[in-house]
N, C-alpha and C. Protein backbone atom coordinates (compact mmCIF):
# COMPACT_ATOMS: atom_id res chain seq x y z
N MET A 1 100.88 129.03 85.31
CA MET A 1 101.66 128.14 86.38
C MET A 1 101.36 128.90 87.37
N GLY A 2 100.71 127.77 88.30
CA GLY A 2 100.12 128.29 90.11
C GLY A 2 101.33 128.47 90.68
N ASN A 3 101.44 128.50 92.09
CA ASN A 3 102.02 128.75 92.79
C ASN A 3 103.08 127.48 93.04
N LEU A 4 104.68 127.48 92.78
CA LEU A 4 105.48 126.47 92.68
C LEU A 4 105.92 126.50 94.16
N VAL A 5 106.16 125.55 95.06
CA VAL A 5 106.68 125.38 96.32
C VAL A 5 107.96 124.45 96.10
N LEU A 6 109.09 125.04 96.63
CA LEU A 6 110.25 123.94 96.70
C LEU A 6 110.45 123.35 97.99
N ILE A 7 110.12 122.25 98.33
CA ILE A 7 110.31 121.86 99.45
C ILE A 7 111.73 121.11 99.80
N ALA A 8 112.92 121.54 100.42
CA ALA A 8 114.18 121.11 100.74
C ALA A 8 114.33 120.31 101.93
N ASP A 9 114.12 119.14 101.92
CA ASP A 9 114.29 118.36 103.30
C ASP A 9 115.06 116.87 102.83
N ASP A 10 115.77 116.53 103.93
CA ASP A 10 116.58 115.23 103.69
C ASP A 10 115.63 113.80 104.24
N ASP A 11 114.66 114.34 104.86
CA ASP A 11 113.65 113.60 105.77
C ASP A 11 112.64 112.98 104.49
N ARG A 12 112.38 112.25 104.11
CA ARG A 12 111.57 111.92 102.82
C ARG A 12 110.19 111.89 103.47
N ASP A 13 110.02 111.48 104.60
CA ASP A 13 108.74 111.39 105.45
C ASP A 13 108.15 113.02 105.26
N ILE A 14 108.85 113.51 105.65
CA ILE A 14 108.50 115.16 105.97
C ILE A 14 108.10 115.69 104.59
N VAL A 15 109.01 115.51 103.78
CA VAL A 15 108.62 115.98 102.35
C VAL A 15 107.50 115.32 101.77
N ARG A 16 107.13 114.21 101.90
CA ARG A 16 106.00 113.54 101.65
C ARG A 16 104.78 114.06 101.93
N PHE A 17 104.78 114.45 103.57
CA PHE A 17 103.67 114.72 104.11
C PHE A 17 103.42 116.41 103.71
N VAL A 18 104.43 117.21 103.91
CA VAL A 18 104.43 118.42 103.61
C VAL A 18 104.17 118.81 101.93
N ALA A 19 104.21 117.98 101.15
CA ALA A 19 104.10 117.98 99.73
C ALA A 19 102.66 117.67 99.44
N LEU A 20 102.14 116.57 100.20
CA LEU A 20 100.64 116.52 100.35
C LEU A 20 99.56 117.30 100.31
N ASN A 21 100.30 118.09 101.77
CA ASN A 21 99.38 119.11 102.40
C ASN A 21 99.40 120.32 101.37
N LEU A 22 100.30 120.45 100.60
CA LEU A 22 100.60 121.45 99.55
C LEU A 22 99.64 121.32 98.48
N ARG A 23 99.72 120.36 98.04
CA ARG A 23 99.07 120.01 96.94
C ARG A 23 97.36 119.82 97.28
N LEU A 24 97.32 119.44 98.19
CA LEU A 24 95.65 119.51 98.60
C LEU A 24 95.25 120.84 98.64
N GLU A 25 96.12 122.02 98.56
CA GLU A 25 95.55 123.42 98.67
C GLU A 25 95.77 124.01 97.38
N GLY A 26 96.28 123.14 96.40
CA GLY A 26 96.25 123.65 95.08
C GLY A 26 97.82 124.04 94.42
N PHE A 27 98.75 123.57 95.18
CA PHE A 27 99.93 124.40 95.17
C PHE A 27 100.86 123.15 94.02
N ASP A 28 101.64 123.90 93.31
CA ASP A 28 102.98 122.81 92.82
C ASP A 28 103.87 122.53 93.39
N VAL A 29 104.47 121.10 93.73
CA VAL A 29 105.36 121.34 94.23
C VAL A 29 106.69 120.78 93.50
N VAL A 30 107.85 121.01 93.90
CA VAL A 30 109.07 120.30 93.42
C VAL A 30 110.23 119.86 94.84
N VAL A 31 111.07 119.04 94.60
CA VAL A 31 111.80 118.50 96.06
C VAL A 31 113.11 118.46 95.69
N ALA A 32 113.78 118.92 96.93
CA ALA A 32 115.12 118.55 97.12
C ALA A 32 115.50 118.23 98.12
N ASN A 33 116.65 116.93 97.91
CA ASN A 33 116.74 116.06 99.40
C ASN A 33 118.16 116.24 100.05
N ASP A 34 118.71 117.54 99.22
CA ASP A 34 120.22 118.03 99.87
C ASP A 34 120.11 119.33 99.70
N GLY A 35 121.00 119.95 100.59
CA GLY A 35 121.25 121.81 100.31
C GLY A 35 121.87 122.12 98.84
N GLN A 36 122.44 121.35 98.10
CA GLN A 36 122.97 121.71 96.80
C GLN A 36 121.88 121.52 95.73
N ASP A 37 121.46 120.52 95.78
CA ASP A 37 120.09 120.35 95.12
C ASP A 37 119.18 121.51 95.01
N ALA A 38 118.79 121.94 96.42
CA ALA A 38 118.00 122.81 96.78
C ALA A 38 117.94 123.99 96.19
N LEU A 39 119.64 124.41 96.51
CA LEU A 39 120.18 125.75 95.60
C LEU A 39 120.08 125.61 94.12
N ASP A 40 120.43 124.45 93.73
CA ASP A 40 120.58 124.15 92.18
C ASP A 40 119.06 124.46 91.93
N MET A 41 118.03 123.73 92.36
CA MET A 41 116.49 123.71 92.12
C MET A 41 116.46 125.46 92.05
N ALA A 42 116.18 125.86 92.90
CA ALA A 42 115.91 127.21 93.48
C ALA A 42 116.17 128.14 92.40
N LEU A 43 117.65 128.30 91.85
CA LEU A 43 118.30 129.13 90.58
C LEU A 43 117.69 128.46 89.43
N ASP A 44 117.35 126.95 89.02
CA ASP A 44 116.64 126.68 87.83
C ASP A 44 115.55 127.12 87.77
N VAL A 45 114.27 126.61 88.73
CA VAL A 45 112.98 126.57 88.68
C VAL A 45 112.41 127.82 89.04
N GLY A 46 113.31 128.81 89.87
CA GLY A 46 112.41 129.72 90.51
C GLY A 46 111.04 129.62 91.02
N PRO A 47 111.26 128.98 92.38
CA PRO A 47 109.80 128.71 93.19
C PRO A 47 109.24 130.25 93.42
N SER A 48 107.87 129.84 93.67
CA SER A 48 107.15 130.79 94.57
C SER A 48 107.47 131.60 95.77
N LEU A 49 107.83 130.10 96.31
CA LEU A 49 108.40 129.88 97.83
C LEU A 49 108.93 128.87 98.34
N ILE A 50 110.18 128.93 99.20
CA ILE A 50 110.81 127.86 99.20
C ILE A 50 110.70 127.39 101.00
N LEU A 51 110.23 126.28 101.33
CA LEU A 51 110.37 125.51 102.38
C LEU A 51 112.15 124.86 102.61
N LEU A 52 112.61 125.50 103.56
CA LEU A 52 114.08 124.78 103.68
C LEU A 52 114.43 124.52 105.18
N ASP A 53 114.63 123.07 104.97
CA ASP A 53 115.29 122.49 106.37
C ASP A 53 116.68 123.14 106.72
N THR A 54 116.73 123.48 107.86
CA THR A 54 118.01 124.12 108.17
C THR A 54 119.41 122.66 108.61
N MET A 55 119.04 121.08 108.50
CA MET A 55 120.14 120.26 108.64
C MET A 55 119.52 119.59 107.51
N MET A 56 120.59 119.66 106.31
CA MET A 56 120.49 118.72 105.14
C MET A 56 122.39 118.56 105.12
N PRO A 57 122.41 117.44 104.22
CA PRO A 57 123.38 117.19 103.80
C PRO A 57 124.21 117.92 102.75
N ARG A 58 125.53 118.04 102.27
CA ARG A 58 126.04 118.70 101.17
C ARG A 58 125.83 120.31 101.55
N MET A 59 125.15 120.70 101.89
CA MET A 59 124.85 122.10 102.57
C MET A 59 123.60 122.41 103.11
N ASP A 60 123.88 123.29 104.42
CA ASP A 60 122.85 123.48 105.35
C ASP A 60 121.87 124.41 104.98
N GLY A 61 120.72 124.22 105.29
CA GLY A 61 119.48 125.41 105.11
C GLY A 61 120.08 126.97 105.04
N TYR A 62 120.83 127.04 106.06
CA TYR A 62 121.64 128.48 106.27
C TYR A 62 122.02 128.88 105.05
N GLU A 63 123.06 128.41 104.44
CA GLU A 63 124.17 128.45 103.41
C GLU A 63 123.29 128.63 102.07
N VAL A 64 122.21 127.71 102.03
CA VAL A 64 121.25 127.43 100.89
C VAL A 64 120.71 128.89 100.60
N CYS A 65 120.25 129.50 101.67
CA CYS A 65 119.71 130.75 102.08
C CYS A 65 120.17 131.72 101.33
N SER A 66 121.54 132.02 102.28
CA SER A 66 122.12 132.95 101.99
C SER A 66 123.09 133.08 100.82
N ARG A 67 123.51 131.87 99.76
CA ARG A 67 123.81 131.74 98.56
C ARG A 67 122.87 132.29 98.03
N LEU A 68 121.37 131.91 98.20
CA LEU A 68 120.42 131.98 97.03
C LEU A 68 120.39 133.88 96.98
N ARG A 69 120.48 134.33 98.27
CA ARG A 69 120.09 135.74 98.38
C ARG A 69 121.58 136.22 97.82
N ASP A 70 122.33 135.74 97.64
CA ASP A 70 123.88 136.52 97.18
C ASP A 70 123.62 136.66 95.66
N GLN A 71 123.02 135.19 95.26
CA GLN A 71 123.33 134.92 93.79
C GLN A 71 122.11 135.68 93.22
N ARG A 72 120.70 135.86 93.60
CA ARG A 72 119.60 136.23 93.36
C ARG A 72 118.98 137.35 94.12
N PRO A 73 120.06 138.21 94.25
CA PRO A 73 119.45 139.54 95.20
C PRO A 73 118.18 140.44 94.87
N ASP A 74 117.82 140.21 93.67
CA ASP A 74 116.68 141.17 93.30
C ASP A 74 115.38 140.07 93.38
N ASP A 75 115.48 138.69 93.57
CA ASP A 75 114.64 137.92 93.43
C ASP A 75 114.12 137.85 95.14
N GLN A 76 113.12 138.28 95.49
CA GLN A 76 112.28 138.57 96.78
C GLN A 76 111.36 137.17 96.86
N ILE A 77 112.29 135.80 96.56
CA ILE A 77 111.44 134.58 97.32
C ILE A 77 111.33 134.40 98.50
N PRO A 78 110.14 134.59 98.83
CA PRO A 78 110.10 134.02 100.37
C PRO A 78 110.55 132.66 100.94
N VAL A 79 111.47 132.79 101.86
CA VAL A 79 111.99 131.22 102.19
C VAL A 79 111.57 131.09 103.85
N ILE A 80 111.02 130.17 104.04
CA ILE A 80 110.48 129.65 105.51
C ILE A 80 111.16 128.35 105.90
N MET A 81 111.95 128.55 107.04
CA MET A 81 112.98 127.68 107.39
C MET A 81 112.14 126.65 108.17
N LEU A 82 112.72 125.36 108.03
CA LEU A 82 112.07 123.96 108.88
C LEU A 82 113.28 124.03 109.98
N THR A 83 113.14 123.97 111.17
CA THR A 83 113.95 123.82 111.99
C THR A 83 113.77 122.97 113.27
N ALA A 84 114.56 122.18 113.51
CA ALA A 84 114.34 120.84 114.48
C ALA A 84 114.49 121.60 115.92
N LYS A 85 115.22 122.64 116.03
CA LYS A 85 115.73 123.64 117.09
C LYS A 85 114.54 124.72 117.16
N SER A 86 114.44 124.86 118.42
CA SER A 86 113.27 126.31 118.65
C SER A 86 114.20 127.46 119.23
N MET A 87 115.60 127.17 119.50
CA MET A 87 116.14 128.18 120.05
C MET A 87 116.42 129.24 119.55
N GLU A 88 116.51 130.50 120.26
CA GLU A 88 116.57 131.81 119.48
C GLU A 88 117.72 132.22 118.82
N ALA A 89 118.88 131.50 119.18
CA ALA A 89 120.20 131.70 118.44
C ALA A 89 119.79 130.88 116.91
N ASP A 90 119.14 129.78 116.74
CA ASP A 90 118.78 129.26 115.29
C ASP A 90 117.81 130.09 114.49
N ARG A 91 116.75 130.96 115.12
CA ARG A 91 115.72 131.83 114.69
C ARG A 91 116.84 132.91 113.79
N SER A 92 117.86 133.54 114.73
CA SER A 92 118.79 134.51 114.52
C SER A 92 119.46 134.35 113.53
N MET A 93 120.04 132.86 113.37
CA MET A 93 120.71 132.83 112.36
C MET A 93 119.83 132.49 111.21
N ALA A 94 118.56 132.04 111.06
CA ALA A 94 117.87 131.52 109.78
C ALA A 94 117.37 133.47 109.55
N TYR A 95 117.34 134.41 109.93
CA TYR A 95 117.04 135.65 109.60
C TYR A 95 118.11 136.42 108.84
N THR A 96 119.45 135.72 109.75
CA THR A 96 120.66 136.46 108.99
C THR A 96 121.02 136.00 107.81
N ALA A 97 120.48 134.85 107.71
CA ALA A 97 120.74 134.19 106.21
C ALA A 97 119.82 134.45 105.18
N GLY A 98 118.85 135.15 105.40
CA GLY A 98 117.93 135.95 104.51
C GLY A 98 116.68 135.32 104.65
N ALA A 99 116.20 134.19 105.64
CA ALA A 99 115.11 133.62 105.68
C ALA A 99 113.84 134.70 106.09
N ASP A 100 112.44 134.26 105.44
CA ASP A 100 111.38 135.35 106.03
C ASP A 100 110.87 135.10 107.45
N ASP A 101 110.83 133.65 107.56
CA ASP A 101 109.85 133.19 108.68
C ASP A 101 110.33 131.69 108.95
N TRP A 102 110.10 130.99 109.82
CA TRP A 102 110.54 129.78 110.43
C TRP A 102 109.34 128.88 111.17
N VAL A 103 109.37 127.48 111.04
CA VAL A 103 108.50 126.81 111.49
C VAL A 103 109.40 125.48 112.36
N THR A 104 109.14 125.29 113.42
CA THR A 104 109.68 124.63 114.24
C THR A 104 108.86 122.88 113.94
N LYS A 105 110.06 121.71 114.01
CA LYS A 105 109.47 120.63 113.72
C LYS A 105 109.37 120.29 115.11
N PRO A 106 107.96 119.14 115.58
CA PRO A 106 107.20 118.96 114.63
C PRO A 106 106.44 119.81 114.56
N PHE A 107 105.54 120.09 112.97
CA PHE A 107 104.92 121.45 113.33
C PHE A 107 103.64 120.89 112.65
N ASP A 108 102.53 121.68 112.88
CA ASP A 108 100.87 121.31 112.43
C ASP A 108 101.18 121.66 110.89
N PRO A 109 100.43 120.79 110.21
CA PRO A 109 100.61 121.06 108.82
C PRO A 109 99.76 122.55 108.40
N ALA A 110 98.60 122.44 109.01
CA ALA A 110 97.83 123.47 109.08
C ALA A 110 98.23 125.36 109.07
N VAL A 111 98.96 125.00 110.23
CA VAL A 111 100.03 126.43 110.55
C VAL A 111 100.97 126.70 109.16
N LEU A 112 101.72 125.39 108.63
CA LEU A 112 102.71 125.44 107.88
C LEU A 112 101.86 126.33 106.34
N VAL A 113 100.71 125.41 105.98
CA VAL A 113 100.24 125.74 104.91
C VAL A 113 99.72 127.61 105.19
N SER A 114 99.02 127.71 106.03
CA SER A 114 99.08 129.15 106.20
C SER A 114 99.70 130.02 106.23
N LYS A 115 101.00 129.53 106.69
CA LYS A 115 102.27 130.78 106.64
C LYS A 115 102.82 130.45 105.20
N VAL A 116 102.44 129.69 104.48
CA VAL A 116 103.11 129.83 103.00
C VAL A 116 101.91 130.86 102.07
N LYS A 117 100.69 130.42 102.57
CA LYS A 117 99.53 131.24 102.03
C LYS A 117 99.86 132.27 102.46
N GLY A 118 100.18 132.91 103.48
CA GLY A 118 100.31 134.31 103.89
C GLY A 118 101.58 134.86 103.25
N HIS A 119 102.76 134.27 103.02
CA HIS A 119 103.92 134.78 102.56
C HIS A 119 103.67 135.07 101.01
N LEU A 120 102.91 133.88 100.27
CA LEU A 120 102.74 134.39 99.02
C LEU A 120 101.49 135.67 98.44
N ARG A 121 100.72 135.69 99.67
CA ARG A 121 99.95 136.66 99.35
C ARG A 121 100.76 138.26 99.67
N ASP A 122 101.58 137.99 100.41
CA ASP A 122 102.23 139.42 100.73
C ASP A 122 102.96 139.48 99.78
N GLN A 123 103.46 138.66 98.86
CA GLN A 123 104.42 138.77 98.00
C GLN A 123 103.84 139.15 96.90
N GLY A 124 102.40 139.12 96.59
CA GLY A 124 101.43 139.27 95.68
C GLY A 124 101.38 140.75 95.57
N ALA A 125 100.94 141.19 97.02
CA ALA A 125 100.80 142.55 97.21
C ALA A 125 101.86 143.62 97.02
N ALA A 126 103.26 143.01 97.19
CA ALA A 126 104.28 143.62 96.82
C ALA A 126 105.03 143.69 95.66
N SER A 127 104.45 142.93 94.54
CA SER A 127 105.07 142.84 93.26
C SER A 127 104.28 143.53 92.34
């Protein structure tokens, strides 16, 4: 099984765009369109990394991340938050929720892919 990336975002255009870029780099991709699905899927499939939008229906990305960390404290799945806000408070909320990194929308897909690769490389070195 290759590296599986869970993309959780309610903006289907962003999901398609990000999924395409990751697949071109050889990643497997699963998609969730709201926070509850994202959490369920993260617990079910155990992705290698999660790209998590902060603003989603049913549960926001911060809550998804903190619940995932609570329910799976031993899983060190890297979480990269996708945020439309570049304010310092949002970044600290992301880190408080247990996120490892963040990318501000609109983002350059090359930057996102390199962050994904970097976190998976770090995780490989750690495990």
